[in-house]
Amino acid sequence: MDGEPTPLPQFAEEALAVLRESVDDSAGLSEQAALRTLESEGFTTADADAALEILELRGYIYRVDSEVHITD
């Protein structure tokens, strides 16, 4: 299985879907707003924070000046 990407945990996939609907491509979304958005969709604070970390580590999102952006 070398070379195959590691699948995202289900909660991170769900978080990414929520963020895709909420993040403005040009300006992004503040980290706090991203957390609040995920929490409003039923994520616990810990899960929202973990999802952001996993998504960033795997290259699905990136942060610039405390704003979350979706990787193209």
Protein backbone atom coordinates (compact mmCIF):
# COMPACT_ATOMS: atom_id res chain seq x y z
CA MET A 1 0.00 0.00 0.00
CA ASP A 2 2.95 2.30 -0.41
CA GLY A 3 2.11 5.59 -2.07
CA GLU A 4 -1.57 5.49 -1.18
CA PRO A 5 -2.84 8.41 0.87
CA THR A 6 -4.02 7.66 4.38
CA PRO A 7 -7.78 8.17 4.52
CA LEU A 8 -9.08 10.99 6.66
CA PRO A 9 -11.02 10.07 9.78
CA GLN A 10 -14.76 10.44 9.19
CA PHE A 11 -15.08 13.45 11.50
CA ALA A 12 -12.29 15.26 9.60
CA GLU A 13 -14.02 14.56 6.27
CA GLU A 14 -17.23 15.98 7.69
CA ALA A 15 -15.38 19.02 9.02
CA LEU A 16 -13.81 19.61 5.61
CA ALA A 17 -17.24 19.53 3.96
CA VAL A 18 -18.55 22.10 6.45
CA LEU A 19 -15.52 24.33 5.94
CA ARG A 20 -15.80 24.15 2.15
CA GLU A 21 -19.27 25.66 2.47
CA SER A 22 -18.09 28.37 4.88
CA VAL A 23 -14.63 29.48 3.75
CA ASP A 24 -14.39 32.37 1.32
CA ASP A 25 -11.78 31.38 -1.26
CA SER A 26 -10.23 34.83 -1.39
CA ALA A 27 -10.27 35.84 2.27
CA GLY A 28 -10.49 32.61 4.20
CA LEU A 29 -12.12 32.28 7.60
CA SER A 30 -10.61 33.21 10.95
CA GLU A 31 -9.54 30.25 13.09
CA GLN A 32 -12.09 31.21 15.75
CA ALA A 33 -14.86 31.48 13.16
CA ALA A 34 -13.87 28.08 11.74
CA LEU A 35 -14.07 26.55 15.21
CA ARG A 36 -17.45 28.21 15.89
CA THR A 37 -18.75 27.03 12.51
CA LEU A 38 -17.78 23.44 13.25
CA GLU A 39 -19.22 23.66 16.76
CA SER A 40 -22.51 24.98 15.35
CA GLU A 41 -22.64 21.84 13.21
CA GLY A 42 -22.40 19.60 16.28
CA PHE A 43 -18.65 19.15 16.67
CA THR A 44 -17.28 19.35 20.18
CA THR A 45 -14.56 21.95 20.70
CA ALA A 46 -11.97 19.18 20.99
CA ASP A 47 -13.14 17.46 17.79
CA ALA A 48 -13.26 20.75 15.86
CA ASP A 49 -9.74 21.60 16.97
CA ALA A 50 -8.49 18.08 16.15
CA ALA A 51 -10.16 18.18 12.74
CA LEU A 52 -8.46 21.48 11.88
CA GLU A 53 -5.11 20.06 12.95
CA ILE A 54 -5.54 16.86 10.91
CA LEU A 55 -6.72 18.77 7.85
CA GLU A 56 -3.74 21.11 8.07
CA LEU A 57 -1.22 18.32 8.60
CA ARG A 58 -2.57 16.41 5.62
CA GLY A 59 -2.63 19.49 3.37
CA TYR A 60 -6.38 19.98 2.98
CA ILE A 61 -6.30 23.40 4.62
CA TYR A 62 -3.63 25.97 5.38
CA ARG A 63 -3.45 28.95 7.72
CA VAL A 64 -2.24 32.45 6.88
CA ASP A 65 -2.36 35.25 9.46
CA SER A 66 -4.72 33.17 11.66
CA GLU A 67 -7.11 32.55 8.77
CA VAL A 68 -8.09 29.14 7.48
CA HIS A 69 -7.99 28.55 3.73
CA ILE A 70 -8.97 25.47 1.74
CA THR A 71 -6.20 23.99 -0.40
CA ASP A 72 -7.12 23.93 -4.08
